């Protein structure tokens, strides 16, 4: 079977392509390898890179025994490592091949990522097949602070959807995180990270902005957006 034809981690790459890469593990729809990024100040930050058939790249950081950073984009991992010359993750994030650190750009591991980037048509999906939704913000009508809404599940999307529809929405209306108007607003430098699957600092590209799907539209909602989506889905 040709390398990369089957949608299975076992056939994403040939044995020859992966020969000598450290920490290799094949799973259902991805492969996993040891990766890292080097900072002149802090040294090597090591992690586990997952390469999905759909093109997504995901890193679980292991820089310290208690590090909780998981499912990072390579760009976010590069920044987390303290790399001084960031924004060049294809060159700065490396894997170990035959005992040597080799930049991702010089390996076969970006084959699916580059292919997905070239073929992007405005309806990008994450590696689990569902449309991507970046984090969004809603401003409190009482304290005028913006609060982050993570849109990973249908429940989270509904919470954000209802908050947008509520013209008098307040921090106290959040059903999770127990945020009040007394809590500080996120720093501007942190707010630029929006959870986009392609770029953590995305300001609204077609890869992460969904224009309607069964996760963020609701058949029991009477707003025009949901009604139109439901009607079109049934047509």
Protein backbone atom coordinates (compact mmCIF):
# COMPACT_ATOMS: atom_id res chain seq x y z
CA UNK A 1 0.00 0.00 0.00
CA UNK A 2 1.36 3.41 -0.94
CA UNK A 3 2.58 5.66 1.83
CA UNK A 4 -0.11 8.13 2.92
CA UNK A 5 -2.97 6.53 0.98
CA UNK A 6 -4.74 4.87 3.89
CA UNK A 7 -6.32 7.11 6.51
CA UNK A 8 -4.52 5.19 9.22
CA UNK A 9 -1.43 6.07 11.22
CA UNK A 10 0.10 2.76 10.22
CA UNK A 11 0.27 3.81 6.54
CA UNK A 12 0.87 7.57 6.72
CA UNK A 13 4.57 7.20 5.97
CA UNK A 14 6.70 4.33 4.80
CA UNK A 15 9.19 2.66 7.11
CA UNK A 16 11.98 4.15 5.01
CA UNK A 17 10.65 7.69 5.47
CA UNK A 18 10.56 7.31 9.26
CA UNK A 19 13.78 5.36 9.61
CA UNK A 20 15.90 6.61 12.51
CA UNK A 21 13.32 9.02 14.00
CA UNK A 22 13.30 8.74 17.80
CA UNK A 23 10.22 7.99 19.86
CA UNK A 24 8.11 6.81 16.94
CA UNK A 25 4.65 5.48 17.76
CA UNK A 26 1.86 4.74 15.26
CA UNK A 27 -1.79 5.19 16.27
CA UNK A 28 -5.20 5.24 14.62
CA UNK A 29 -5.05 8.44 12.55
CA UNK A 30 -1.67 9.86 13.53
CA UNK A 31 1.94 9.08 14.29
CA UNK A 32 3.80 10.38 17.34
CA UNK A 33 7.49 11.21 17.64
CA UNK A 34 9.81 12.89 20.11
CA UNK A 35 10.36 16.57 19.32
CA UNK A 36 11.91 19.62 20.92
CA UNK A 37 12.86 23.28 20.65
CA UNK A 38 16.09 24.82 21.90
CA UNK A 39 16.44 28.13 23.73
CA UNK A 40 19.92 29.54 24.27
CA UNK A 41 18.79 30.67 27.71
CA UNK A 42 16.71 27.71 28.91
CA UNK A 43 18.11 24.83 26.89
CA UNK A 44 16.02 22.09 25.27
CA UNK A 45 12.26 21.85 25.78
CA UNK A 46 11.20 18.34 24.84
CA UNK A 47 7.74 17.19 23.81
CA UNK A 48 5.71 14.65 21.87
CA UNK A 49 4.62 15.65 18.36
CA UNK A 50 1.51 14.08 16.83
CA UNK A 51 1.19 14.28 13.05
CA UNK A 52 -2.38 13.66 11.86
CA UNK A 53 -3.41 12.46 8.41
CA UNK A 54 -5.53 15.59 7.92
CA UNK A 55 -2.49 17.83 8.32
CA UNK A 56 -2.88 18.93 11.95
CA UNK A 57 0.18 19.04 14.19
CA UNK A 58 -0.18 18.79 17.95
CA UNK A 59 2.52 18.86 20.65
CA UNK A 60 2.34 17.75 24.29
CA UNK A 61 5.12 19.49 26.18
CA UNK A 62 7.38 17.57 28.58
CA UNK A 63 9.81 20.38 29.37
CA UNK A 64 9.38 19.72 33.10
CA UNK A 65 7.78 16.79 34.97
CA UNK A 66 4.79 18.91 35.98
CA UNK A 67 4.22 20.82 32.73
CA UNK A 68 0.51 20.96 31.89
CA UNK A 69 0.86 22.35 28.35
CA UNK A 70 -0.93 19.94 26.04
CA UNK A 71 -2.21 19.99 22.45
CA UNK A 72 -0.04 22.96 21.50
CA UNK A 73 0.46 24.09 17.94
CA UNK A 74 4.14 24.03 16.91
CA UNK A 75 4.14 27.85 17.00
CA UNK A 76 2.77 27.87 20.56
CA UNK A 77 5.28 25.20 21.61
CA UNK A 78 8.10 27.29 20.14
CA UNK A 79 6.96 30.31 22.17
CA UNK A 80 6.48 28.20 25.33
CA UNK A 81 10.04 26.89 25.04
CA UNK A 82 11.44 30.42 25.34
CA UNK A 83 13.05 30.32 21.93
CA UNK A 84 14.59 33.73 21.30
CA UNK A 85 14.00 33.81 17.53
CA UNK A 86 10.40 32.65 17.47
CA UNK A 87 7.93 32.60 14.56
CA UNK A 88 10.11 30.15 12.63
CA UNK A 89 8.77 26.93 14.08
CA UNK A 90 9.39 24.85 10.95
CA UNK A 91 13.10 25.51 11.46
CA UNK A 92 13.22 25.79 15.27
CA UNK A 93 11.16 22.74 16.26
CA UNK A 94 13.21 19.59 15.71
CA UNK A 95 13.00 15.82 15.87
CA UNK A 96 15.85 13.44 16.53
CA UNK A 97 16.98 11.40 13.51
CA UNK A 98 19.83 8.95 14.04
CA UNK A 99 20.84 10.84 17.16
CA UNK A 100 20.90 14.27 15.49
CA UNK A 101 18.46 17.18 15.87
CA UNK A 102 16.81 17.78 12.50
CA UNK A 103 14.39 20.72 11.84
CA UNK A 104 10.86 19.72 10.90
CA UNK A 105 11.29 21.50 7.59
CA UNK A 106 13.95 18.97 6.62
CA UNK A 107 11.84 15.92 7.41
CA UNK A 108 8.88 14.22 5.74
CA UNK A 109 6.68 15.00 8.77
CA UNK A 110 5.22 18.20 7.26
CA UNK A 111 3.94 16.44 4.14
CA UNK A 112 0.30 16.41 5.23
CA UNK A 113 0.49 19.85 6.87
CA UNK A 114 1.83 21.47 3.69
CA UNK A 115 -0.70 19.63 1.55
CA UNK A 116 -3.60 20.79 3.74
CA UNK A 117 -2.34 24.38 3.63
CA UNK A 118 -2.20 24.34 -0.18
CA UNK A 119 -5.63 22.75 -0.54
CA UNK A 120 -7.43 24.90 2.07
CA UNK A 121 -10.80 25.95 0.67
CA UNK A 122 -12.38 27.80 3.58
CA UNK A 123 -13.98 24.76 5.20
CA UNK A 124 -11.15 23.41 7.30
CA UNK A 125 -11.82 20.61 9.75
CA UNK A 126 -9.80 19.46 12.72
CA UNK A 127 -8.23 16.00 12.92
CA UNK A 128 -11.38 14.58 14.50
CA UNK A 129 -13.45 15.58 11.45
CA UNK A 130 -15.38 18.41 13.10
CA UNK A 131 -15.25 22.08 12.05
CA UNK A 132 -12.80 24.22 14.01
CA UNK A 133 -14.03 27.09 16.15
CA UNK A 134 -11.57 29.58 17.59
CA UNK A 135 -12.04 31.17 21.03
CA UNK A 136 -14.30 34.23 21.08
CA UNK A 137 -14.89 37.10 23.53
CA UNK A 138 -18.03 38.73 24.90
CA UNK A 139 -17.98 42.05 26.76
CA UNK A 140 -19.68 42.36 30.14
CA UNK A 141 -22.33 45.09 30.20
CA UNK A 142 -21.59 45.81 33.86
CA UNK A 143 -17.78 46.03 34.11
CA UNK A 144 -17.02 46.42 30.38
CA UNK A 145 -14.40 43.63 30.49
CA UNK A 146 -14.09 41.04 27.74
CA UNK A 147 -14.40 37.37 28.77
CA UNK A 148 -13.11 34.40 26.79
CA UNK A 149 -15.42 31.68 25.49
CA UNK A 150 -13.86 28.42 24.35
CA UNK A 151 -15.86 26.74 21.59
CA UNK A 152 -14.66 23.13 21.60
CA UNK A 153 -17.98 21.38 22.26
CA UNK A 154 -21.63 21.90 21.38
CA UNK A 155 -22.36 22.87 24.97
CA UNK A 156 -19.63 25.54 24.95
CA UNK A 157 -20.89 26.86 21.60
CA UNK A 158 -24.42 27.15 23.03
CA UNK A 159 -23.18 29.10 26.03
CA UNK A 160 -21.41 31.57 23.73
CA UNK A 161 -24.39 31.71 21.37
CA UNK A 162 -26.77 32.60 24.20
CA UNK A 163 -24.35 35.16 25.63
CA UNK A 164 -24.18 36.97 22.29
CA UNK A 165 -27.97 37.05 22.13
CA UNK A 166 -28.22 38.49 25.65
CA UNK A 167 -27.91 42.29 25.36
CA UNK A 168 -27.44 42.60 29.11
CA UNK A 169 -24.91 39.76 29.50
CA UNK A 170 -22.73 40.00 32.64
CA UNK A 171 -19.74 38.11 34.03
CA UNK A 172 -22.01 36.53 36.63
CA UNK A 173 -23.93 34.80 33.82
CA UNK A 174 -20.97 32.55 33.00
CA UNK A 175 -21.89 29.01 34.11
CA UNK A 176 -18.24 28.01 34.54
CA UNK A 177 -14.87 29.47 35.70
CA UNK A 178 -16.68 31.43 38.47
CA UNK A 179 -15.59 34.76 37.01
CA UNK A 180 -16.95 37.96 38.54
CA UNK A 181 -16.57 41.58 37.56
CA UNK A 182 -13.78 41.83 40.14
CA UNK A 183 -11.54 39.49 38.14
CA UNK A 184 -8.95 41.13 35.89
CA UNK A 185 -9.46 41.07 32.15
CA UNK A 186 -7.02 38.92 30.17
CA UNK A 187 -3.88 40.75 29.12
CA UNK A 188 -3.91 41.96 25.51
CA UNK A 189 -0.83 39.83 24.80
CA UNK A 190 -2.74 36.74 25.94
CA UNK A 191 -5.97 37.57 24.15
CA UNK A 192 -4.34 37.31 20.73
CA UNK A 193 -4.11 33.54 21.24
CA UNK A 194 -7.45 32.35 19.93
CA UNK A 195 -7.08 28.56 19.66
CA UNK A 196 -6.94 28.46 15.85
CA UNK A 197 -5.73 25.08 14.59
CA UNK A 198 -3.44 26.75 12.06
CA UNK A 199 -2.13 29.80 13.95
CA UNK A 200 -2.49 30.56 17.68
CA UNK A 201 -2.58 34.30 16.92
CA UNK A 202 -5.15 34.06 14.13
CA UNK A 203 -7.36 37.15 13.86
CA UNK A 204 -10.09 35.44 11.86
CA UNK A 205 -9.03 33.26 8.92
CA UNK A 206 -11.28 30.87 7.00
CA UNK A 207 -9.45 27.94 8.64
CA UNK A 208 -11.01 28.61 12.02
CA UNK A 209 -14.08 30.80 11.49
CA UNK A 210 -17.06 28.50 11.02
CA UNK A 211 -20.06 29.86 9.13
CA UNK A 212 -22.46 27.27 10.50
CA UNK A 213 -22.36 23.60 11.50
CA UNK A 214 -24.24 21.17 13.72
CA UNK A 215 -21.96 22.10 16.63
CA UNK A 216 -22.60 25.85 16.69
CA UNK A 217 -26.16 26.00 15.32
CA UNK A 218 -29.19 24.82 17.29
CA UNK A 219 -32.55 23.50 16.09
CA UNK A 220 -34.28 24.55 19.32
CA UNK A 221 -33.13 28.18 18.98
CA UNK A 222 -35.47 30.69 17.36
CA UNK A 223 -32.83 33.20 16.26
CA UNK A 224 -32.70 33.82 12.51
CA UNK A 225 -29.17 32.41 12.16
CA UNK A 226 -30.13 29.04 13.66
CA UNK A 227 -33.48 28.94 11.86
CA UNK A 228 -31.82 29.55 8.48
CA UNK A 229 -29.19 26.90 9.14
CA UNK A 230 -31.77 24.32 10.24
CA UNK A 231 -33.90 24.96 7.15
CA UNK A 232 -30.93 24.69 4.80
CA UNK A 233 -29.75 21.50 6.49
CA UNK A 234 -33.15 19.90 6.01
CA UNK A 235 -33.48 21.00 2.39
